[in-house]
N, C-alpha and C. Protein backbone atom coordinates (compact mmCIF):
# COMPACT_ATOMS: atom_id res chain seq x y z
N UNK A 1 -12.70 24.20 -17.32
CA UNK A 1 -13.28 23.87 -16.04
C UNK A 1 -14.63 24.56 -15.86
N UNK A 2 -14.79 25.74 -16.39
CA UNK A 2 -16.06 26.45 -16.23
C UNK A 2 -17.17 25.76 -16.99
N UNK A 3 -18.33 25.65 -16.35
CA UNK A 3 -19.49 25.08 -17.01
C UNK A 3 -19.61 23.58 -16.90
N UNK A 4 -18.51 22.88 -16.75
CA UNK A 4 -18.54 21.43 -16.69
C UNK A 4 -18.42 20.90 -15.27
N UNK A 5 -17.85 21.68 -14.38
CA UNK A 5 -17.62 21.25 -13.02
C UNK A 5 -18.66 21.87 -12.09
N UNK A 6 -19.04 21.11 -11.08
CA UNK A 6 -19.93 21.66 -10.05
C UNK A 6 -19.13 22.59 -9.15
N UNK A 7 -19.84 23.36 -8.35
CA UNK A 7 -19.17 24.26 -7.41
C UNK A 7 -18.31 23.46 -6.43
N UNK A 8 -18.80 22.32 -5.99
CA UNK A 8 -18.04 21.48 -5.05
C UNK A 8 -16.75 20.96 -5.70
N UNK A 9 -16.81 20.61 -6.97
CA UNK A 9 -15.62 20.15 -7.67
C UNK A 9 -14.62 21.30 -7.86
N UNK A 10 -15.11 22.48 -8.16
CA UNK A 10 -14.22 23.65 -8.29
C UNK A 10 -13.52 23.94 -6.97
N UNK A 11 -14.27 23.85 -5.86
CA UNK A 11 -13.67 24.05 -4.54
C UNK A 11 -12.61 22.98 -4.27
N UNK A 12 -12.93 21.75 -4.63
CA UNK A 12 -11.99 20.65 -4.43
C UNK A 12 -10.71 20.83 -5.22
N UNK A 13 -10.84 21.29 -6.46
CA UNK A 13 -9.66 21.50 -7.29
C UNK A 13 -8.80 22.62 -6.74
N UNK A 14 -9.42 23.69 -6.28
CA UNK A 14 -8.68 24.80 -5.65
C UNK A 14 -7.97 24.30 -4.39
N UNK A 15 -8.68 23.52 -3.57
CA UNK A 15 -8.10 22.96 -2.35
C UNK A 15 -6.91 22.06 -2.68
N UNK A 16 -7.05 21.24 -3.70
CA UNK A 16 -5.96 20.37 -4.13
C UNK A 16 -4.74 21.20 -4.52
N UNK A 17 -4.94 22.22 -5.34
CA UNK A 17 -3.82 23.06 -5.79
C UNK A 17 -3.15 23.79 -4.63
N UNK A 18 -3.92 24.20 -3.64
CA UNK A 18 -3.36 24.89 -2.47
C UNK A 18 -2.49 23.95 -1.63
N UNK A 19 -2.80 22.68 -1.62
CA UNK A 19 -2.12 21.73 -0.73
C UNK A 19 -1.19 20.74 -1.43
N UNK A 20 -1.22 20.70 -2.74
CA UNK A 20 -0.50 19.67 -3.48
C UNK A 20 0.99 19.66 -3.18
N UNK A 21 1.64 20.80 -3.10
CA UNK A 21 3.09 20.82 -2.84
C UNK A 21 3.42 20.18 -1.50
N UNK A 22 2.66 20.51 -0.47
CA UNK A 22 2.91 19.93 0.86
C UNK A 22 2.65 18.43 0.85
N UNK A 23 1.58 18.01 0.21
CA UNK A 23 1.28 16.57 0.12
C UNK A 23 2.36 15.85 -0.67
N UNK A 24 2.82 16.45 -1.76
CA UNK A 24 3.83 15.81 -2.61
C UNK A 24 5.15 15.63 -1.87
N UNK A 25 5.43 16.48 -0.89
CA UNK A 25 6.66 16.36 -0.10
C UNK A 25 6.54 15.31 0.99
N UNK A 26 5.34 14.85 1.26
CA UNK A 26 5.09 13.88 2.33
C UNK A 26 5.06 12.47 1.74
N UNK A 27 5.95 11.57 2.18
CA UNK A 27 5.97 10.21 1.60
C UNK A 27 4.65 9.46 1.75
N UNK A 28 3.84 9.82 2.73
CA UNK A 28 2.55 9.16 2.92
C UNK A 28 1.58 9.47 1.77
N UNK A 29 1.67 10.68 1.21
CA UNK A 29 0.75 11.13 0.16
C UNK A 29 1.35 11.08 -1.25
N UNK A 30 2.65 11.20 -1.35
CA UNK A 30 3.33 11.31 -2.65
C UNK A 30 2.94 10.16 -3.59
N UNK A 31 2.55 10.52 -4.79
CA UNK A 31 2.18 9.61 -5.87
C UNK A 31 0.92 8.80 -5.60
N UNK A 32 0.11 9.24 -4.66
CA UNK A 32 -1.18 8.60 -4.36
C UNK A 32 -2.29 9.34 -5.13
N UNK A 33 -3.43 8.70 -5.23
CA UNK A 33 -4.61 9.31 -5.82
C UNK A 33 -5.49 9.79 -4.67
N UNK A 34 -5.82 11.07 -4.69
CA UNK A 34 -6.58 11.69 -3.61
C UNK A 34 -8.04 11.87 -4.02
N UNK A 35 -8.93 11.51 -3.11
CA UNK A 35 -10.35 11.84 -3.27
C UNK A 35 -10.56 13.12 -2.48
N UNK A 36 -11.10 14.12 -3.15
CA UNK A 36 -11.37 15.41 -2.51
C UNK A 36 -12.82 15.76 -2.75
N UNK A 37 -13.49 16.15 -1.68
CA UNK A 37 -14.88 16.60 -1.76
C UNK A 37 -14.95 17.97 -1.09
N UNK A 38 -15.30 18.97 -1.89
CA UNK A 38 -15.27 20.34 -1.36
C UNK A 38 -13.86 20.69 -0.97
N UNK A 39 -13.68 21.14 0.26
CA UNK A 39 -12.36 21.52 0.73
C UNK A 39 -11.84 20.50 1.75
N UNK A 40 -12.10 19.21 1.47
CA UNK A 40 -11.66 18.15 2.37
C UNK A 40 -11.01 17.02 1.60
N UNK A 41 -9.87 16.56 2.10
CA UNK A 41 -9.22 15.37 1.58
C UNK A 41 -9.91 14.19 2.25
N UNK A 42 -10.56 13.36 1.45
CA UNK A 42 -11.35 12.25 2.00
C UNK A 42 -10.56 10.94 2.09
N UNK A 43 -9.51 10.82 1.30
CA UNK A 43 -8.71 9.60 1.34
C UNK A 43 -7.69 9.58 0.23
N UNK A 44 -6.69 8.72 0.39
CA UNK A 44 -5.67 8.54 -0.65
C UNK A 44 -5.53 7.06 -0.95
N UNK A 45 -5.20 6.76 -2.20
CA UNK A 45 -5.18 5.38 -2.69
C UNK A 45 -3.98 5.17 -3.60
N UNK A 46 -3.53 3.94 -3.65
CA UNK A 46 -2.40 3.60 -4.51
C UNK A 46 -2.76 3.59 -5.99
N UNK A 47 -4.02 3.30 -6.31
CA UNK A 47 -4.43 3.22 -7.71
C UNK A 47 -5.65 4.11 -7.96
N UNK A 48 -5.78 4.55 -9.21
CA UNK A 48 -6.94 5.33 -9.59
C UNK A 48 -8.22 4.50 -9.45
N UNK A 49 -8.13 3.24 -9.84
CA UNK A 49 -9.30 2.35 -9.76
C UNK A 49 -9.84 2.22 -8.35
N UNK A 50 -8.95 2.07 -7.37
CA UNK A 50 -9.38 1.96 -5.98
C UNK A 50 -10.02 3.26 -5.51
N UNK A 51 -9.43 4.38 -5.88
CA UNK A 51 -9.99 5.68 -5.50
C UNK A 51 -11.37 5.87 -6.13
N UNK A 52 -11.49 5.55 -7.40
CA UNK A 52 -12.76 5.72 -8.10
C UNK A 52 -13.84 4.81 -7.51
N UNK A 53 -13.48 3.58 -7.22
CA UNK A 53 -14.44 2.64 -6.66
C UNK A 53 -15.00 3.14 -5.33
N UNK A 54 -14.12 3.60 -4.44
CA UNK A 54 -14.57 4.11 -3.14
C UNK A 54 -15.34 5.42 -3.27
N UNK A 55 -14.87 6.31 -4.14
CA UNK A 55 -15.55 7.58 -4.32
C UNK A 55 -16.95 7.39 -4.90
N UNK A 56 -17.07 6.53 -5.90
CA UNK A 56 -18.38 6.29 -6.52
C UNK A 56 -19.37 5.67 -5.54
N UNK A 57 -18.86 4.86 -4.60
CA UNK A 57 -19.73 4.24 -3.60
C UNK A 57 -20.14 5.23 -2.51
N UNK A 58 -19.29 6.21 -2.23
CA UNK A 58 -19.53 7.11 -1.10
C UNK A 58 -20.18 8.45 -1.48
N UNK A 59 -20.02 8.89 -2.73
CA UNK A 59 -20.47 10.24 -3.11
C UNK A 59 -21.28 10.19 -4.39
N UNK A 60 -22.15 11.17 -4.53
CA UNK A 60 -22.89 11.31 -5.78
C UNK A 60 -22.01 11.99 -6.83
N UNK A 61 -22.34 11.78 -8.08
CA UNK A 61 -21.63 12.42 -9.18
C UNK A 61 -21.62 13.93 -8.96
N UNK A 62 -20.47 14.52 -9.15
CA UNK A 62 -20.34 15.97 -9.00
C UNK A 62 -19.95 16.41 -7.60
N UNK A 63 -19.82 15.46 -6.66
CA UNK A 63 -19.47 15.83 -5.29
C UNK A 63 -17.99 15.61 -4.97
N UNK A 64 -17.21 15.09 -5.90
CA UNK A 64 -15.82 14.78 -5.62
C UNK A 64 -14.97 14.92 -6.87
N UNK A 65 -13.66 15.00 -6.64
CA UNK A 65 -12.68 14.88 -7.71
C UNK A 65 -11.62 13.88 -7.25
N UNK A 66 -10.92 13.32 -8.19
CA UNK A 66 -9.77 12.45 -7.89
C UNK A 66 -8.58 13.05 -8.62
N UNK A 67 -7.51 13.29 -7.86
CA UNK A 67 -6.29 13.87 -8.43
C UNK A 67 -5.09 13.08 -7.95
N UNK A 68 -4.10 12.93 -8.81
CA UNK A 68 -2.85 12.28 -8.42
C UNK A 68 -1.92 13.32 -7.82
N UNK A 69 -1.33 12.99 -6.70
CA UNK A 69 -0.40 13.88 -6.01
C UNK A 69 0.99 13.65 -6.58
N UNK A 70 1.39 14.55 -7.46
CA UNK A 70 2.66 14.41 -8.18
C UNK A 70 3.47 15.69 -7.99
N UNK A 71 4.71 15.58 -7.51
CA UNK A 71 5.55 16.76 -7.38
C UNK A 71 5.76 17.43 -8.74
N UNK A 72 5.98 18.73 -8.72
CA UNK A 72 6.14 19.48 -9.97
C UNK A 72 7.27 18.95 -10.83
N UNK A 73 8.34 18.46 -10.20
CA UNK A 73 9.50 18.01 -10.97
C UNK A 73 9.39 16.55 -11.41
N UNK A 74 8.31 15.89 -11.05
CA UNK A 74 8.09 14.48 -11.41
C UNK A 74 7.38 14.42 -12.77
N UNK A 75 7.91 13.67 -13.74
CA UNK A 75 7.19 13.55 -15.01
C UNK A 75 5.88 12.78 -14.83
N UNK A 76 4.88 13.20 -15.54
CA UNK A 76 3.58 12.54 -15.48
C UNK A 76 3.47 11.59 -16.66
N UNK A 77 3.17 10.34 -16.38
CA UNK A 77 3.00 9.35 -17.42
C UNK A 77 1.51 9.18 -17.71
N UNK A 78 1.14 9.40 -18.93
CA UNK A 78 -0.25 9.24 -19.34
C UNK A 78 -0.39 7.96 -20.15
N UNK A 79 -1.11 7.02 -19.60
CA UNK A 79 -1.35 5.76 -20.30
C UNK A 79 -2.47 5.97 -21.31
N UNK A 80 -2.40 5.31 -22.45
CA UNK A 80 -3.48 5.44 -23.43
C UNK A 80 -4.78 4.90 -22.86
N UNK A 81 -5.86 5.56 -23.18
CA UNK A 81 -7.19 5.14 -22.74
C UNK A 81 -7.76 4.25 -23.84
N UNK A 82 -8.17 3.03 -23.48
CA UNK A 82 -8.69 2.12 -24.51
C UNK A 82 -9.99 2.66 -25.11
N UNK A 83 -10.17 2.42 -26.38
CA UNK A 83 -11.39 2.85 -27.07
C UNK A 83 -12.56 2.01 -26.61
N UNK A 84 -13.71 2.65 -26.52
CA UNK A 84 -14.94 1.94 -26.14
C UNK A 84 -15.65 1.55 -27.42
N UNK A 85 -15.96 0.28 -27.53
CA UNK A 85 -16.61 -0.22 -28.75
C UNK A 85 -18.09 0.06 -28.75
């Protein structure tokens, strides 16, 4: 994380980690993708694509992060990322 993330992204990641357990327990937030800018939750979305589309339109690069709200006991499924030709 050091060197690659902006200060705003580092703050956002810390904010996410501080609040993730509470959000994961709330059915409104559970398994959603969260847009976080600094220490503010800006919105939640059902898909990563929707979150990315709105975040890219609203914020400059380096001003936000997108994280999935997943309870600790929930397995995380990682889909393969297609190769770029």
